[in-house]
Amino acid sequence: MGNSNLLPIGVRRDGSYYTRILWADVTENDPTFWVNNLINDDLERNGGTWGANSETTANAVLDFFGETQPIGRIGIYKNVGITISVLEELARYIDIYVCTDDSPLRLRRKEDKIDDVEWRKIAHFDIVMEEGWQTVVLPEPVKAKYLRVELRENFCKRDASFIPWIETSEIKLYPA
């Protein structure tokens, strides 16, 4: 009677969790650069990127629709926005943090400070400057109710040619 191909609620066909965006400190009005692109499965140029107009960092907070989930693997799709974008705009480093209480719910406006929440760092990506997936497998599963994605710096030279964007495309979180 039952279908053995059914997946648990909240898990996509590829095995990753569905997530939603709770808050971001840097995003844009242009849909091609929205933080929502972190979760939308669009990996193409001219869309599918979170192009954060920042010279230093950009943070986004994701959740699992109120659930706490075990995370065992994290995938980041590295892409830059529109056709004229260059790979040097990719985030040079991406740090992932988790929180298991509801304190991230205090983050509501752009003026709110990400460090007002207590986060635990679980992963660090030294980004390879090329488009495509980059994955970290955690040494052991980590429980998370909220996840913080922090993009840090980019590959641009710090001179007159500097481009103040930090970009990546999609993040996928997988169960343990």
Protein backbone atom coordinates (compact mmCIF):
# COMPACT_ATOMS: atom_id res chain seq x y z
CA MET A 1 0.00 0.00 0.00
CA GLY A 2 2.81 2.45 0.82
CA ASN A 3 5.28 3.86 -1.65
CA SER A 4 8.89 3.07 -0.71
CA ASN A 5 10.07 6.02 -2.86
CA LEU A 6 8.52 8.63 -0.58
CA LEU A 7 10.91 11.07 1.05
CA PRO A 8 10.56 12.56 4.52
CA ILE A 9 8.71 15.88 4.63
CA GLY A 10 11.15 18.75 4.11
CA VAL A 11 13.61 16.78 1.95
CA ARG A 12 13.99 17.34 -1.80
CA ARG A 13 14.44 14.56 -4.34
CA ASP A 14 18.21 15.20 -4.34
CA GLY A 15 18.27 14.53 -0.58
CA SER A 16 18.80 18.16 0.50
CA TYR A 17 16.55 20.01 2.93
CA TYR A 18 14.08 22.67 1.92
CA THR A 19 15.04 25.91 3.64
CA ARG A 20 13.76 29.46 3.71
CA ILE A 21 15.42 32.85 4.14
CA LEU A 22 14.79 34.41 7.53
CA TRP A 23 17.01 37.53 7.27
CA ALA A 24 19.93 39.04 5.37
CA ASP A 25 22.09 42.05 6.09
CA VAL A 26 22.99 42.76 2.45
CA THR A 27 20.81 42.12 -0.57
CA GLU A 28 19.47 43.97 -3.60
CA ASN A 29 16.09 44.89 -5.06
CA ASP A 30 17.02 43.45 -8.47
CA PRO A 31 15.74 39.84 -8.63
CA THR A 32 19.00 38.75 -10.29
CA PHE A 33 20.84 39.58 -7.08
CA TRP A 34 18.30 38.64 -4.39
CA VAL A 35 19.40 36.68 -1.37
CA ASN A 36 16.46 34.37 -2.22
CA ASN A 37 18.65 32.96 -4.98
CA LEU A 38 20.50 31.03 -2.26
CA ILE A 39 17.63 28.54 -2.23
CA ASN A 40 16.06 28.64 -5.70
CA ASP A 41 17.84 25.99 -7.84
CA ASP A 42 18.71 28.55 -10.55
CA LEU A 43 22.39 28.13 -11.32
CA GLU A 44 22.55 30.11 -14.55
CA ARG A 45 24.18 33.45 -15.32
CA ASN A 46 21.77 36.42 -15.39
CA GLY A 47 20.01 34.98 -12.38
CA GLY A 48 20.52 32.49 -9.62
CA THR A 49 23.10 34.43 -7.64
CA TRP A 50 23.17 36.29 -4.37
CA GLY A 51 25.17 39.31 -5.39
CA ALA A 52 25.76 41.11 -2.12
CA ASN A 53 26.86 44.69 -2.68
CA SER A 54 29.47 44.70 0.08
CA GLU A 55 33.22 45.20 0.33
CA THR A 56 33.69 42.98 3.37
CA THR A 57 30.95 40.55 4.45
CA ALA A 58 27.35 39.56 3.78
CA ASN A 59 25.22 37.36 6.03
CA ALA A 60 22.01 35.45 5.49
CA VAL A 61 20.06 33.38 7.98
CA LEU A 62 18.15 30.29 6.83
CA ASP A 63 15.80 28.04 8.73
CA PHE A 64 14.03 24.73 8.26
CA PHE A 65 10.47 26.05 8.64
CA GLY A 66 10.70 25.91 12.45
CA GLU A 67 12.23 22.44 12.62
CA THR A 68 15.59 21.37 14.02
CA GLN A 69 17.52 19.20 11.55
CA PRO A 70 20.80 17.28 11.57
CA ILE A 71 23.26 18.51 8.95
CA GLY A 72 26.00 16.21 7.66
CA ARG A 73 27.02 17.82 4.39
CA ILE A 74 26.91 21.32 2.92
CA GLY A 75 27.12 22.17 -0.77
CA ILE A 76 27.78 25.66 -2.14
CA TYR A 77 27.22 26.45 -5.81
CA LYS A 78 29.68 29.13 -6.85
CA ASN A 79 28.47 31.47 -9.55
CA VAL A 80 28.51 35.18 -10.27
CA GLY A 81 25.52 37.20 -11.46
CA ILE A 82 25.04 38.75 -14.81
CA THR A 83 27.05 37.96 -17.91
CA ILE A 84 29.41 40.90 -17.37
CA SER A 85 30.31 39.71 -13.84
CA VAL A 86 33.76 38.24 -13.33
CA LEU A 87 34.74 35.25 -11.19
CA GLU A 88 36.81 37.56 -8.98
CA GLU A 89 33.48 38.65 -7.47
CA LEU A 90 33.01 35.21 -5.89
CA ALA A 91 33.19 35.10 -2.12
CA ARG A 92 36.75 34.16 -1.18
CA TYR A 93 35.60 32.50 2.05
CA ILE A 94 32.24 31.21 3.23
CA ASP A 95 31.67 30.40 6.88
CA ILE A 96 28.63 28.46 8.10
CA TYR A 97 27.25 28.83 11.63
CA VAL A 98 24.30 27.24 13.43
CA CYS A 99 21.97 28.18 16.25
CA THR A 100 19.56 25.81 18.01
CA ASP A 101 17.43 28.33 19.93
CA ASP A 102 15.04 31.00 18.62
CA SER A 103 17.32 34.02 19.16
CA PRO A 104 17.73 34.59 15.38
CA LEU A 105 14.06 35.60 15.33
CA ARG A 106 15.22 38.92 16.82
CA LEU A 107 16.84 39.69 13.44
CA ARG A 108 14.12 41.61 11.64
CA ARG A 109 15.54 44.77 10.07
CA LYS A 110 18.67 45.64 8.13
CA GLU A 111 19.94 47.60 11.14
CA ASP A 112 19.93 44.49 13.33
CA LYS A 113 23.33 42.98 14.08
CA ILE A 114 24.11 39.36 13.24
CA ASP A 115 26.51 39.11 16.19
CA ASP A 116 23.68 39.88 18.63
CA VAL A 117 22.86 36.18 18.22
CA GLU A 118 25.13 33.46 19.60
CA TRP A 119 26.31 31.30 16.70
CA ARG A 120 28.46 28.18 16.56
CA LYS A 121 30.74 27.87 13.53
CA ILE A 122 30.49 24.45 11.88
CA ALA A 123 32.14 24.86 8.48
CA HIS A 124 34.59 26.99 6.53
CA PHE A 125 34.99 27.03 2.75
CA ASP A 126 38.17 28.40 1.18
CA ILE A 127 36.51 28.99 -2.16
CA VAL A 128 38.13 27.77 -5.34
CA MET A 129 37.69 30.51 -7.94
CA GLU A 130 35.63 28.61 -10.51
CA GLU A 131 31.95 28.09 -11.15
CA GLY A 132 30.45 24.86 -9.85
CA TRP A 133 29.74 22.95 -6.66
CA GLN A 134 32.04 22.86 -3.67
CA THR A 135 31.14 20.58 -0.77
CA VAL A 136 32.12 20.15 2.86
CA VAL A 137 31.33 16.92 4.72
CA LEU A 138 31.15 17.56 8.45
CA PRO A 139 33.19 15.24 10.71
CA GLU A 140 29.99 14.50 12.61
CA PRO A 141 26.37 15.59 12.19
CA VAL A 142 25.37 18.95 13.67
CA LYS A 143 21.85 19.87 14.78
CA ALA A 144 20.58 23.23 13.56
CA LYS A 145 17.37 25.19 13.79
CA TYR A 146 18.90 28.23 12.08
CA LEU A 147 21.87 28.46 9.78
CA ARG A 148 24.01 31.53 9.11
CA VAL A 149 25.81 31.82 5.77
CA GLU A 150 28.59 34.42 5.86
CA LEU A 151 30.28 35.47 2.63
CA ARG A 152 33.67 37.08 3.27
CA GLU A 153 35.71 39.20 0.88
CA ASN A 154 36.11 38.47 -2.82
CA PHE A 155 39.03 37.79 -5.15
CA CYS A 156 39.26 41.34 -6.56
CA LYS A 157 42.44 43.36 -6.11
CA ARG A 158 42.18 46.14 -3.53
CA ASP A 159 43.05 48.92 -5.95
CA ALA A 160 41.19 51.34 -8.23
CA SER A 161 39.74 48.37 -10.16
CA PHE A 162 38.09 46.89 -7.03
CA ILE A 163 34.48 45.66 -7.53
CA PRO A 164 32.41 45.84 -4.31
CA TRP A 165 30.38 42.63 -4.74
CA ILE A 166 30.55 39.31 -2.92
CA GLU A 167 28.70 36.53 -4.70
CA THR A 168 27.65 32.92 -4.62
CA SER A 169 24.60 31.08 -5.86
CA GLU A 170 22.98 28.27 -3.96
CA ILE A 171 23.48 26.49 -0.67
CA LYS A 172 22.22 22.95 -0.12
CA LEU A 173 22.14 21.28 3.27
CA TYR A 174 22.00 17.52 3.56
CA PRO A 175 21.02 15.26 6.45
CA ALA A 176 23.59 13.22 8.30
